[in-house]
PDB file of N, CA and C in Angstrom:
ATOM      1  N   UNK A   1     -37.031  10.184  52.985  1.00  0.00           N
ATOM      2  CA  UNK A   1     -36.950   8.910  52.290  1.00  0.00           C
ATOM      3  C   UNK A   1     -36.639   9.133  50.819  1.00  0.00           C
ATOM      4  N   UNK A   2     -37.312  10.108  50.212  1.00  0.00           N
ATOM      5  CA  UNK A   2     -37.092  10.387  48.795  1.00  0.00           C
ATOM      6  C   UNK A   2     -35.677  10.908  48.585  1.00  0.00           C
ATOM      7  N   UNK A   3     -35.195  11.709  49.541  1.00  0.00           N
ATOM      8  CA  UNK A   3     -33.837  12.238  49.414  1.00  0.00           C
ATOM      9  C   UNK A   3     -32.791  11.127  49.476  1.00  0.00           C
ATOM     10  N   UNK A   4     -33.002  10.149  50.353  1.00  0.00           N
ATOM     11  CA  UNK A   4     -32.024   9.054  50.451  1.00  0.00           C
ATOM     12  C   UNK A   4     -32.036   8.179  49.201  1.00  0.00           C
ATOM     13  N   UNK A   5     -33.227   7.967  48.605  1.00  0.00           N
ATOM     14  CA  UNK A   5     -33.314   7.183  47.369  1.00  0.00           C
ATOM     15  C   UNK A   5     -32.642   7.933  46.233  1.00  0.00           C
ATOM     16  N   UNK A   6     -32.907   9.220  46.158  1.00  0.00           N
ATOM     17  CA  UNK A   6     -32.281  10.000  45.085  1.00  0.00           C
ATOM     18  C   UNK A   6     -30.769  10.080  45.270  1.00  0.00           C
ATOM     19  N   UNK A   7     -30.311  10.127  46.561  1.00  0.00           N
ATOM     20  CA  UNK A   7     -28.870  10.107  46.823  1.00  0.00           C
ATOM     21  C   UNK A   7     -28.243   8.790  46.372  1.00  0.00           C
ATOM     22  N   UNK A   8     -28.923   7.670  46.664  1.00  0.00           N
ATOM     23  CA  UNK A   8     -28.417   6.362  46.235  1.00  0.00           C
ATOM     24  C   UNK A   8     -28.371   6.268  44.700  1.00  0.00           C
ATOM     25  N   UNK A   9     -29.420   6.773  44.081  1.00  0.00           N
ATOM     26  CA  UNK A   9     -29.464   6.744  42.616  1.00  0.00           C
ATOM     27  C   UNK A   9     -28.350   7.609  42.022  1.00  0.00           C
ATOM     28  N   UNK A  10     -28.113   8.766  42.647  1.00  0.00           N
ATOM     29  CA  UNK A  10     -27.056   9.656  42.170  1.00  0.00           C
ATOM     30  C   UNK A  10     -25.688   9.022  42.359  1.00  0.00           C
ATOM     31  N   UNK A  11     -25.502   8.326  43.506  1.00  0.00           N
ATOM     32  CA  UNK A  11     -24.218   7.661  43.750  1.00  0.00           C
ATOM     33  C   UNK A  11     -23.991   6.529  42.746  1.00  0.00           C
ATOM     34  N   UNK A  12     -25.052   5.769  42.452  1.00  0.00           N
ATOM     35  CA  UNK A  12     -24.906   4.678  41.481  1.00  0.00           C
ATOM     36  C   UNK A  12     -24.602   5.237  40.093  1.00  0.00           C
ATOM     37  N   UNK A  13     -25.276   6.298  39.749  1.00  0.00           N
ATOM     38  CA  UNK A  13     -25.028   6.926  38.447  1.00  0.00           C
ATOM     39  C   UNK A  13     -23.595   7.438  38.378  1.00  0.00           C
ATOM     40  N   UNK A  14     -23.117   8.011  39.489  1.00  0.00           N
ATOM     41  CA  UNK A  14     -21.736   8.500  39.525  1.00  0.00           C
ATOM     42  C   UNK A  14     -20.744   7.346  39.371  1.00  0.00           C
ATOM     43  N   UNK A  15     -20.994   6.224  40.091  1.00  0.00           N
ATOM     44  CA  UNK A  15     -20.102   5.068  39.973  1.00  0.00           C
ATOM     45  C   UNK A  15     -20.128   4.489  38.563  1.00  0.00           C
ATOM     46  N   UNK A  16     -21.311   4.440  37.956  1.00  0.00           N
ATOM     47  CA  UNK A  16     -21.426   3.927  36.590  1.00  0.00           C
ATOM     48  C   UNK A  16     -20.636   4.803  35.626  1.00  0.00           C
ATOM     49  N   UNK A  17     -20.761   6.104  35.800  1.00  0.00           N
ATOM     50  CA  UNK A  17     -20.019   7.025  34.936  1.00  0.00           C
ATOM     51  C   UNK A  17     -18.506   6.881  35.126  1.00  0.00           C
ATOM     52  N   UNK A  18     -18.085   6.669  36.385  1.00  0.00           N
ATOM     53  CA  UNK A  18     -16.658   6.480  36.633  1.00  0.00           C
ATOM     54  C   UNK A  18     -16.140   5.214  35.959  1.00  0.00           C
ATOM     55  N   UNK A  19     -16.938   4.126  36.048  1.00  0.00           N
ATOM     56  CA  UNK A  19     -16.519   2.873  35.413  1.00  0.00           C
ATOM     57  C   UNK A  19     -16.423   3.040  33.892  1.00  0.00           C
ATOM     58  N   UNK A  20     -17.408   3.711  33.312  1.00  0.00           N
ATOM     59  CA  UNK A  20     -17.361   3.942  31.859  1.00  0.00           C
ATOM     60  C   UNK A  20     -16.160   4.795  31.478  1.00  0.00           C
ATOM     61  N   UNK A  21     -15.886   5.792  32.315  1.00  0.00           N
ATOM     62  CA  UNK A  21     -14.746   6.659  32.036  1.00  0.00           C
ATOM     63  C   UNK A  21     -13.430   5.872  32.105  1.00  0.00           C
ATOM     64  N   UNK A  22     -13.318   4.984  33.115  1.00  0.00           N
ATOM     65  CA  UNK A  22     -12.106   4.168  33.232  1.00  0.00           C
ATOM     66  C   UNK A  22     -11.964   3.204  32.059  1.00  0.00           C
ATOM     67  N   UNK A  23     -13.101   2.639  31.621  1.00  0.00           N
ATOM     68  CA  UNK A  23     -13.039   1.728  30.462  1.00  0.00           C
ATOM     69  C   UNK A  23     -12.576   2.477  29.217  1.00  0.00           C
ATOM     70  N   UNK A  24     -13.078   3.710  29.067  1.00  0.00           N
ATOM     71  CA  UNK A  24     -12.664   4.501  27.904  1.00  0.00           C
ATOM     72  C   UNK A  24     -11.177   4.812  27.956  1.00  0.00           C
ATOM     73  N   UNK A  25     -10.698   5.133  29.159  1.00  0.00           N
ATOM     74  CA  UNK A  25      -9.272   5.438  29.298  1.00  0.00           C
ATOM     75  C   UNK A  25      -8.410   4.209  29.004  1.00  0.00           C
ATOM     76  N   UNK A  26      -8.891   3.037  29.418  1.00  0.00           N
ATOM     77  CA  UNK A  26      -8.118   1.819  29.166  1.00  0.00           C
ATOM     78  C   UNK A  26      -8.138   1.444  27.694  1.00  0.00           C
ATOM     79  N   UNK A  27      -9.249   1.774  27.019  1.00  0.00           N
ATOM     80  CA  UNK A  27      -9.347   1.376  25.618  1.00  0.00           C
ATOM     81  C   UNK A  27      -8.588   2.317  24.690  1.00  0.00           C
ATOM     82  N   UNK A  28      -8.242   3.500  25.185  1.00  0.00           N
ATOM     83  CA  UNK A  28      -7.513   4.447  24.340  1.00  0.00           C
ATOM     84  C   UNK A  28      -6.083   3.960  24.164  1.00  0.00           C
ATOM     85  N   UNK A  29      -5.679   3.875  22.934  1.00  0.00           N
ATOM     86  CA  UNK A  29      -4.298   3.483  22.649  1.00  0.00           C
ATOM     87  C   UNK A  29      -3.483   4.739  22.397  1.00  0.00           C
ATOM     88  N   UNK A  30      -2.455   4.873  23.150  1.00  0.00           N
ATOM     89  CA  UNK A  30      -1.582   6.015  22.946  1.00  0.00           C
ATOM     90  C   UNK A  30      -0.684   5.752  21.751  1.00  0.00           C
ATOM     91  N   UNK A  31      -0.552   6.756  20.921  1.00  0.00           N
ATOM     92  CA  UNK A  31       0.270   6.597  19.737  1.00  0.00           C
ATOM     93  C   UNK A  31       1.738   6.634  20.125  1.00  0.00           C
ATOM     94  N   UNK A  32       2.411   5.684  19.606  1.00  0.00           N
ATOM     95  CA  UNK A  32       3.839   5.593  19.835  1.00  0.00           C
ATOM     96  C   UNK A  32       4.540   6.537  18.867  1.00  0.00           C
ATOM     97  N   UNK A  33       5.507   7.324  19.319  1.00  0.00           N
ATOM     98  CA  UNK A  33       6.187   8.230  18.378  1.00  0.00           C
ATOM     99  C   UNK A  33       6.927   7.491  17.276  1.00  0.00           C
ATOM    100  N   UNK A  34       7.241   6.230  17.498  1.00  0.00           N
ATOM    101  CA  UNK A  34       7.935   5.479  16.452  1.00  0.00           C
ATOM    102  C   UNK A  34       6.987   5.013  15.361  1.00  0.00           C
ATOM    103  N   UNK A  35       5.636   5.123  15.611  1.00  0.00           N
ATOM    104  CA  UNK A  35       4.682   4.716  14.578  1.00  0.00           C
ATOM    105  C   UNK A  35       4.850   5.531  13.305  1.00  0.00           C
ATOM    106  N   UNK A  36       5.056   6.842  13.456  1.00  0.00           N
ATOM    107  CA  UNK A  36       5.214   7.681  12.262  1.00  0.00           C
ATOM    108  C   UNK A  36       6.500   7.317  11.522  1.00  0.00           C
ATOM    109  N   UNK A  37       7.529   6.950  12.276  1.00  0.00           N
ATOM    110  CA  UNK A  37       8.771   6.525  11.629  1.00  0.00           C
ATOM    111  C   UNK A  37       8.572   5.211  10.894  1.00  0.00           C
ATOM    112  N   UNK A  38       7.806   4.282  11.505  1.00  0.00           N
ATOM    113  CA  UNK A  38       7.542   3.010  10.841  1.00  0.00           C
ATOM    114  C   UNK A  38       6.745   3.218   9.562  1.00  0.00           C
ATOM    115  N   UNK A  39       5.766   4.158   9.617  1.00  0.00           N
ATOM    116  CA  UNK A  39       4.988   4.430   8.411  1.00  0.00           C
ATOM    117  C   UNK A  39       5.877   5.017   7.317  1.00  0.00           C
ATOM    118  N   UNK A  40       6.793   5.868   7.701  1.00  0.00           N
ATOM    119  CA  UNK A  40       7.698   6.456   6.713  1.00  0.00           C
ATOM    120  C   UNK A  40       8.580   5.378   6.095  1.00  0.00           C
ATOM    121  N   UNK A  41       9.048   4.444   6.927  1.00  0.00           N
ATOM    122  CA  UNK A  41       9.889   3.379   6.384  1.00  0.00           C
ATOM    123  C   UNK A  41       9.076   2.447   5.507  1.00  0.00           C
ATOM    124  N   UNK A  42       7.775   2.217   5.873  1.00  0.00           N
ATOM    125  CA  UNK A  42       6.920   1.395   5.015  1.00  0.00           C
ATOM    126  C   UNK A  42       6.700   2.071   3.665  1.00  0.00           C
ATOM    127  N   UNK A  43       6.515   3.396   3.692  1.00  0.00           N
ATOM    128  CA  UNK A  43       6.328   4.118   2.435  1.00  0.00           C
ATOM    129  C   UNK A  43       7.576   4.028   1.583  1.00  0.00           C
ATOM    130  N   UNK A  44       8.744   4.121   2.239  1.00  0.00           N
ATOM    131  CA  UNK A  44       9.985   3.995   1.480  1.00  0.00           C
ATOM    132  C   UNK A  44      10.139   2.590   0.936  1.00  0.00           C
ATOM    133  N   UNK A  45       9.722   1.580   1.708  1.00  0.00           N
ATOM    134  CA  UNK A  45       9.804   0.202   1.232  1.00  0.00           C
ATOM    135  C   UNK A  45       8.890   0.008   0.034  1.00  0.00           C
ATOM    136  N   UNK A  46       7.665   0.561   0.102  1.00  0.00           N
ATOM    137  CA  UNK A  46       6.738   0.449  -1.023  1.00  0.00           C
ATOM    138  C   UNK A  46       7.299   1.168  -2.233  1.00  0.00           C
ATOM    139  N   UNK A  47       7.841   2.356  -2.011  1.00  0.00           N
ATOM    140  CA  UNK A  47       8.456   3.115  -3.099  1.00  0.00           C
ATOM    141  C   UNK A  47       9.623   2.336  -3.697  1.00  0.00           C
ATOM    142  N   UNK A  48      10.402   1.685  -2.831  1.00  0.00           N
ATOM    143  CA  UNK A  48      11.533   0.902  -3.319  1.00  0.00           C
ATOM    144  C   UNK A  48      11.106  -0.272  -4.160  1.00  0.00           C
ATOM    145  N   UNK A  49      10.043  -0.953  -3.737  1.00  0.00           N
ATOM    146  CA  UNK A  49       9.554  -2.117  -4.495  1.00  0.00           C
ATOM    147  C   UNK A  49       9.036  -1.685  -5.854  1.00  0.00           C
ATOM    148  N   UNK A  50       8.232  -0.634  -5.870  1.00  0.00           N
ATOM    149  CA  UNK A  50       7.671  -0.157  -7.141  1.00  0.00           C
ATOM    150  C   UNK A  50       8.783   0.390  -8.025  1.00  0.00           C
ATOM    151  N   UNK A  51       9.699   1.138  -7.445  1.00  0.00           N
ATOM    152  CA  UNK A  51      10.800   1.695  -8.235  1.00  0.00           C
ATOM    153  C   UNK A  51      11.676   0.600  -8.831  1.00  0.00           C
ATOM    154  N   UNK A  52      11.951  -0.428  -8.045  1.00  0.00           N
ATOM    155  CA  UNK A  52      12.753  -1.547  -8.541  1.00  0.00           C
ATOM    156  C   UNK A  52      12.035  -2.258  -9.685  1.00  0.00           C
ATOM    157  N   UNK A  53      10.729  -2.437  -9.530  1.00  0.00           N
ATOM    158  CA  UNK A  53       9.948  -3.096 -10.582  1.00  0.00           C
ATOM    159  C   UNK A  53       9.966  -2.279 -11.871  1.00  0.00           C
ATOM    160  N   UNK A  54       9.824  -0.971 -11.756  1.00  0.00           N
ATOM    161  CA  UNK A  54       9.836  -0.113 -12.946  1.00  0.00           C
ATOM    162  C   UNK A  54      11.205  -0.153 -13.626  1.00  0.00           C
ATOM    163  N   UNK A  55      12.262  -0.162 -12.833  1.00  0.00           N
ATOM    164  CA  UNK A  55      13.608  -0.238 -13.416  1.00  0.00           C
ATOM    165  C   UNK A  55      13.833  -1.576 -14.126  1.00  0.00           C
ATOM    166  N   UNK A  56      13.288  -2.645 -13.557  1.00  0.00           N
ATOM    167  CA  UNK A  56      13.417  -3.955 -14.213  1.00  0.00           C
ATOM    168  C   UNK A  56      12.684  -3.975 -15.550  1.00  0.00           C
ATOM    169  N   UNK A  57      11.489  -3.391 -15.585  1.00  0.00           N
ATOM    170  CA  UNK A  57      10.736  -3.333 -16.845  1.00  0.00           C
ATOM    171  C   UNK A  57      11.493  -2.493 -17.863  1.00  0.00           C
ATOM    172  N   UNK A  58      12.045  -1.378 -17.414  1.00  0.00           N
ATOM    173  CA  UNK A  58      12.824  -0.515 -18.314  1.00  0.00           C
ATOM    174  C   UNK A  58      14.054  -1.257 -18.842  1.00  0.00           C
ATOM    175  N   UNK A  59      14.713  -2.018 -17.975  1.00  0.00           N
ATOM    176  CA  UNK A  59      15.894  -2.777 -18.407  1.00  0.00           C
ATOM    177  C   UNK A  59      15.521  -3.824 -19.447  1.00  0.00           C
ATOM    178  N   UNK A  60      14.375  -4.469 -19.268  1.00  0.00           N
ATOM    179  CA  UNK A  60      13.929  -5.471 -20.253  1.00  0.00           C
ATOM    180  C   UNK A  60      13.653  -4.817 -21.611  1.00  0.00           C
ATOM    181  N   UNK A  61      13.076  -3.614 -21.587  1.00  0.00           N
ATOM    182  CA  UNK A  61      12.834  -2.913 -22.848  1.00  0.00           C
ATOM    183  C   UNK A  61      14.140  -2.529 -23.522  1.00  0.00           C
ATOM    184  N   UNK A  62      15.131  -2.117 -22.737  1.00  0.00           N
ATOM    185  CA  UNK A  62      16.420  -1.747 -23.315  1.00  0.00           C
ATOM    186  C   UNK A  62      17.106  -2.957 -23.926  1.00  0.00           C
ATOM    187  N   UNK A  63      17.023  -4.099 -23.260  1.00  0.00           N
ATOM    188  CA  UNK A  63      17.618  -5.334 -23.796  1.00  0.00           C
ATOM    189  C   UNK A  63      16.918  -5.728 -25.085  1.00  0.00           C
ATOM    190  N   UNK A  64      15.586  -5.641 -25.089  1.00  0.00           N
ATOM    191  CA  UNK A  64      14.820  -5.997 -26.289  1.00  0.00           C
ATOM    192  C   UNK A  64      15.173  -5.067 -27.449  1.00  0.00           C
ATOM    193  N   UNK A  65      15.315  -3.785 -27.160  1.00  0.00           N
ATOM    194  CA  UNK A  65      15.664  -2.837 -28.221  1.00  0.00           C
ATOM    195  C   UNK A  65      17.069  -3.105 -28.740  1.00  0.00           C
ATOM    196  N   UNK A  66      17.998  -3.430 -27.847  1.00  0.00           N
ATOM    197  CA  UNK A  66      19.366  -3.723 -28.273  1.00  0.00           C
ATOM    198  C   UNK A  66      19.416  -4.985 -29.129  1.00  0.00           C
ATOM    199  N   UNK A  67      18.682  -6.015 -28.719  1.00  0.00           N
ATOM    200  CA  UNK A  67      18.653  -7.262 -29.504  1.00  0.00           C
ATOM    201  C   UNK A  67      18.032  -7.028 -30.877  1.00  0.00           C
ATOM    202  N   UNK A  68      16.960  -6.259 -30.931  1.00  0.00           N
ATOM    203  CA  UNK A  68      16.317  -5.953 -32.215  1.00  0.00           C
ATOM    204  C   UNK A  68      17.247  -5.156 -33.118  1.00  0.00           C
ATOM    205  N   UNK A  69      17.956  -4.191 -32.545  1.00  0.00           N
ATOM    206  CA  UNK A  69      18.889  -3.399 -33.344  1.00  0.00           C
ATOM    207  C   UNK A  69      20.017  -4.254 -33.912  1.00  0.00           C
ATOM    208  N   UNK A  70      20.516  -5.189 -33.107  1.00  0.00           N
ATOM    209  CA  UNK A  70      21.577  -6.073 -33.590  1.00  0.00           C
ATOM    210  C   UNK A  70      21.102  -6.898 -34.775  1.00  0.00           C
ATOM    211  N   UNK A  71      19.877  -7.407 -34.678  1.00  0.00           N
ATOM    212  CA  UNK A  71      19.328  -8.214 -35.774  1.00  0.00           C
ATOM    213  C   UNK A  71      19.106  -7.343 -37.003  1.00  0.00           C
ATOM    214  N   UNK A  72      18.575  -6.149 -36.810  1.00  0.00           N
ATOM    215  CA  UNK A  72      18.294  -5.266 -37.942  1.00  0.00           C
ATOM    216  C   UNK A  72      19.573  -4.774 -38.621  1.00  0.00           C
ATOM    217  N   UNK A  73      20.639  -4.577 -37.842  1.00  0.00           N
ATOM    218  CA  UNK A  73      21.897  -4.114 -38.418  1.00  0.00           C
ATOM    219  C   UNK A  73      22.739  -5.252 -38.978  1.00  0.00           C
ATOM    220  N   UNK A  74      22.287  -6.487 -38.779  1.00  0.00           N
ATOM    221  CA  UNK A  74      23.021  -7.633 -39.296  1.00  0.00           C
ATOM    222  C   UNK A  74      24.176  -8.053 -38.420  1.00  0.00           C
ATOM    223  N   UNK A  75      24.244  -7.547 -37.208  1.00  0.00           N
ATOM    224  CA  UNK A  75      25.321  -7.904 -36.293  1.00  0.00           C
ATOM    225  C   UNK A  75      25.079  -9.264 -35.645  1.00  0.00           C
ATOM    226  N   UNK A  76      23.822  -9.691 -35.583  1.00  0.00           N
ATOM    227  CA  UNK A  76      23.494 -10.980 -34.970  1.00  0.00           C
ATOM    228  C   UNK A  76      22.442 -11.682 -35.823  1.00  0.00           C
ATOM    229  N   UNK A  77      22.502 -13.011 -35.821  1.00  0.00           N
ATOM    230  CA  UNK A  77      21.533 -13.784 -36.584  1.00  0.00           C
ATOM    231  C   UNK A  77      20.464 -14.413 -35.688  1.00  0.00           C
ATOM    232  N   UNK A  78      20.547 -14.159 -34.412  1.00  0.00           N
ATOM    233  CA  UNK A  78      19.660 -14.808 -33.455  1.00  0.00           C
ATOM    234  C   UNK A  78      18.337 -14.039 -33.349  1.00  0.00           C
ATOM    235  N   UNK A  79      17.443 -14.302 -34.304  1.00  0.00           N
ATOM    236  CA  UNK A  79      16.143 -13.635 -34.316  1.00  0.00           C
ATOM    237  C   UNK A  79      15.284 -14.122 -33.151  1.00  0.00           C
ATOM    238  N   UNK A  80      15.439 -15.403 -32.819  1.00  0.00           N
ATOM    239  CA  UNK A  80      14.637 -15.962 -31.716  1.00  0.00           C
ATOM    240  C   UNK A  80      14.914 -15.216 -30.403  1.00  0.00           C
ATOM    241  N   UNK A  81      16.190 -14.947 -30.157  1.00  0.00           N
ATOM    242  CA  UNK A  81      16.536 -14.258 -28.908  1.00  0.00           C
ATOM    243  C   UNK A  81      15.932 -12.851 -28.891  1.00  0.00           C
ATOM    244  N   UNK A  82      15.949 -12.185 -30.027  1.00  0.00           N
ATOM    245  CA  UNK A  82      15.359 -10.840 -30.096  1.00  0.00           C
ATOM    246  C   UNK A  82      13.852 -10.898 -29.884  1.00  0.00           C
ATOM    247  N   UNK A  83      13.197 -11.905 -30.460  1.00  0.00           N
ATOM    248  CA  UNK A  83      11.749 -12.037 -30.286  1.00  0.00           C
ATOM    249  C   UNK A  83      11.394 -12.383 -28.837  1.00  0.00           C
ATOM    250  N   UNK A  84      12.187 -13.267 -28.235  1.00  0.00           N
ATOM    251  CA  UNK A  84      11.935 -13.632 -26.837  1.00  0.00           C
ATOM    252  C   UNK A  84      12.108 -12.417 -25.928  1.00  0.00           C
ATOM    253  N   UNK A  85      13.158 -11.644 -26.164  1.00  0.00           N
ATOM    254  CA  UNK A  85      13.386 -10.443 -25.348  1.00  0.00           C
ATOM    255  C   UNK A  85      12.257  -9.432 -25.542  1.00  0.00           C
ATOM    256  N   UNK A  86      11.788  -9.309 -26.785  1.00  0.00           N
ATOM    257  CA  UNK A  86      10.696  -8.377 -27.074  1.00  0.00           C
ATOM    258  C   UNK A  86       9.399  -8.812 -26.387  1.00  0.00           C
ATOM    259  N   UNK A  87       9.087 -10.103 -26.458  1.00  0.00           N
ATOM    260  CA  UNK A  87       7.872 -10.603 -25.803  1.00  0.00           C
ATOM    261  C   UNK A  87       7.967 -10.479 -24.292  1.00  0.00           C
ATOM    262  N   UNK A  88       9.162 -10.774 -23.750  1.00  0.00           N
ATOM    263  CA  UNK A  88       9.346 -10.663 -22.300  1.00  0.00           C
ATOM    264  C   UNK A  88       9.153  -9.219 -21.842  1.00  0.00           C
ATOM    265  N   UNK A  89       9.672  -8.280 -22.598  1.00  0.00           N
ATOM    266  CA  UNK A  89       9.506  -6.863 -22.250  1.00  0.00           C
ATOM    267  C   UNK A  89       8.043  -6.450 -22.361  1.00  0.00           C
ATOM    268  N   UNK A  90       7.345  -6.958 -23.382  1.00  0.00           N
ATOM    269  CA  UNK A  90       5.930  -6.624 -23.533  1.00  0.00           C
ATOM    270  C   UNK A  90       5.083  -7.174 -22.390  1.00  0.00           C
ATOM    271  N   UNK A  91       5.356  -8.410 -21.968  1.00  0.00           N
ATOM    272  CA  UNK A  91       4.610  -9.007 -20.864  1.00  0.00           C
ATOM    273  C   UNK A  91       4.883  -8.239 -19.565  1.00  0.00           C
ATOM    274  N   UNK A  92       6.132  -7.883 -19.349  1.00  0.00           N
ATOM    275  CA  UNK A  92       6.482  -7.131 -18.135  1.00  0.00           C
ATOM    276  C   UNK A  92       5.788  -5.773 -18.122  1.00  0.00           C
ATOM    277  N   UNK A  93       5.738  -5.114 -19.278  1.00  0.00           N
ATOM    278  CA  UNK A  93       5.073  -3.813 -19.352  1.00  0.00           C
ATOM    279  C   UNK A  93       3.573  -3.942 -19.102  1.00  0.00           C
ATOM    280  N   UNK A  94       2.956  -4.966 -19.704  1.00  0.00           N
ATOM    281  CA  UNK A  94       1.524  -5.169 -19.482  1.00  0.00           C
ATOM    282  C   UNK A  94       1.220  -5.455 -18.013  1.00  0.00           C
ATOM    283  N   UNK A  95       2.087  -6.235 -17.375  1.00  0.00           N
ATOM    284  CA  UNK A  95       1.883  -6.528 -15.957  1.00  0.00           C
ATOM    285  C   UNK A  95       2.014  -5.255 -15.117  1.00  0.00           C
ATOM    286  N   UNK A  96       2.965  -4.405 -15.460  1.00  0.00           N
ATOM    287  CA  UNK A  96       3.139  -3.149 -14.731  1.00  0.00           C
ATOM    288  C   UNK A  96       1.902  -2.264 -14.888  1.00  0.00           C
ATOM    289  N   UNK A  97       1.338  -2.213 -16.080  1.00  0.00           N
ATOM    290  CA  UNK A  97       0.139  -1.397 -16.310  1.00  0.00           C
ATOM    291  C   UNK A  97      -1.038  -1.961 -15.519  1.00  0.00           C
ATOM    292  N   UNK A  98      -1.176  -3.296 -15.485  1.00  0.00           N
ATOM    293  CA  UNK A  98      -2.274  -3.892 -14.722  1.00  0.00           C
ATOM    294  C   UNK A  98      -2.128  -3.625 -13.224  1.00  0.00           C
ATOM    295  N   UNK A  99      -0.915  -3.686 -12.717  1.00  0.00           N
ATOM    296  CA  UNK A  99      -0.688  -3.385 -11.297  1.00  0.00           C
ATOM    297  C   UNK A  99      -1.049  -1.939 -11.021  1.00  0.00           C
ATOM    298  N   UNK A 100      -0.662  -1.044 -11.894  1.00  0.00           N
ATOM    299  CA  UNK A 100      -1.017   0.367 -11.730  1.00  0.00           C
ATOM    300  C   UNK A 100      -2.534   0.550 -11.728  1.00  0.00           C
ATOM    301  N   UNK A 101      -3.222  -0.130 -12.658  1.00  0.00           N
ATOM    302  CA  UNK A 101      -4.674  -0.013 -12.721  1.00  0.00           C
ATOM    303  C   UNK A 101      -5.328  -0.510 -11.434  1.00  0.00           C
ATOM    304  N   UNK A 102      -4.828  -1.616 -10.889  1.00  0.00           N
ATOM    305  CA  UNK A 102      -5.392  -2.143  -9.639  1.00  0.00           C
ATOM    306  C   UNK A 102      -5.125  -1.192  -8.475  1.00  0.00           C
ATOM    307  N   UNK A 103      -3.953  -0.591  -8.435  1.00  0.00           N
ATOM    308  CA  UNK A 103      -3.657   0.363  -7.369  1.00  0.00           C
ATOM    309  C   UNK A 103      -4.555   1.593  -7.461  1.00  0.00           C
ATOM    310  N   UNK A 104      -4.769   2.091  -8.672  1.00  0.00           N
ATOM    311  CA  UNK A 104      -5.643   3.255  -8.855  1.00  0.00           C
ATOM    312  C   UNK A 104      -7.074   2.901  -8.484  1.00  0.00           C
ATOM    313  N   UNK A 105      -7.521   1.710  -8.892  1.00  0.00           N
ATOM    314  CA  UNK A 105      -8.873   1.267  -8.561  1.00  0.00           C
ATOM    315  C   UNK A 105      -9.050   1.129  -7.041  1.00  0.00           C
ATOM    316  N   UNK A 106      -8.049   0.585  -6.372  1.00  0.00           N
ATOM    317  CA  UNK A 106      -8.113   0.452  -4.912  1.00  0.00           C
ATOM    318  C   UNK A 106      -8.174   1.821  -4.246  1.00  0.00           C
ATOM    319  N   UNK A 107      -7.373   2.741  -4.738  1.00  0.00           N
ATOM    320  CA  UNK A 107      -7.376   4.098  -4.178  1.00  0.00           C
ATOM    321  C   UNK A 107      -8.744   4.757  -4.347  1.00  0.00           C
ATOM    322  N   UNK A 108      -9.340   4.583  -5.533  1.00  0.00           N
ATOM    323  CA  UNK A 108     -10.650   5.185  -5.776  1.00  0.00           C
ATOM    324  C   UNK A 108     -11.719   4.573  -4.883  1.00  0.00           C
ATOM    325  N   UNK A 109     -11.640   3.264  -4.639  1.00  0.00           N
ATOM    326  CA  UNK A 109     -12.606   2.626  -3.738  1.00  0.00           C
ATOM    327  C   UNK A 109     -12.425   3.111  -2.309  1.00  0.00           C
ATOM    328  N   UNK A 110     -11.185   3.323  -1.901  1.00  0.00           N
ATOM    329  CA  UNK A 110     -10.946   3.854  -0.552  1.00  0.00           C
ATOM    330  C   UNK A 110     -11.505   5.266  -0.414  1.00  0.00           C
ATOM    331  N   UNK A 111     -11.382   6.074  -1.466  1.00  0.00           N
ATOM    332  CA  UNK A 111     -11.883   7.440  -1.413  1.00  0.00           C
ATOM    333  C   UNK A 111     -13.411   7.487  -1.376  1.00  0.00           C
ATOM    334  N   UNK A 112     -14.070   6.443  -1.885  1.00  0.00           N
ATOM    335  CA  UNK A 112     -15.535   6.419  -1.883  1.00  0.00           C
ATOM    336  C   UNK A 112     -16.098   5.996  -0.532  1.00  0.00           C
ATOM    337  N   UNK A 113     -15.262   5.422   0.319  1.00  0.00           N
ATOM    338  CA  UNK A 113     -15.748   4.920   1.608  1.00  0.00           C
ATOM    339  C   UNK A 113     -16.142   6.082   2.510  1.00  0.00           C
ATOM    340  N   UNK A 114     -17.298   5.951   3.149  1.00  0.00           N
ATOM    341  CA  UNK A 114     -17.689   7.019   4.078  1.00  0.00           C
ATOM    342  C   UNK A 114     -16.832   6.972   5.332  1.00  0.00           C
ATOM    343  N   UNK A 115     -16.522   8.145   5.828  1.00  0.00           N
ATOM    344  CA  UNK A 115     -15.676   8.235   7.026  1.00  0.00           C
ATOM    345  C   UNK A 115     -16.531   8.412   8.248  1.00  0.00           C
TER     346      UNK A 115
END
């Protein structure tokens, strides 16, 4: 009698383990080989966005410097345009620095997270 009860218990335990094993197999997501390619393209897209933004800020500074030089050399009388270009370049630069600070802060918070 004890042997038959222990056999039933062993069979139930075996079935339970099989069900858990099947659930684990179903829950496992197989990595798609294209995932790494998508991540690489996302990194390139992020790099492209940041690079484009930096080039735009640099272009604004060059325009502001050119306008200021024209006014200083007496080639142009439009001081307002030079001041507007200078302020626009300054605002763009400050925004770029703030974005960089937020990205660095986010990275540091991610590094502090326990794994």
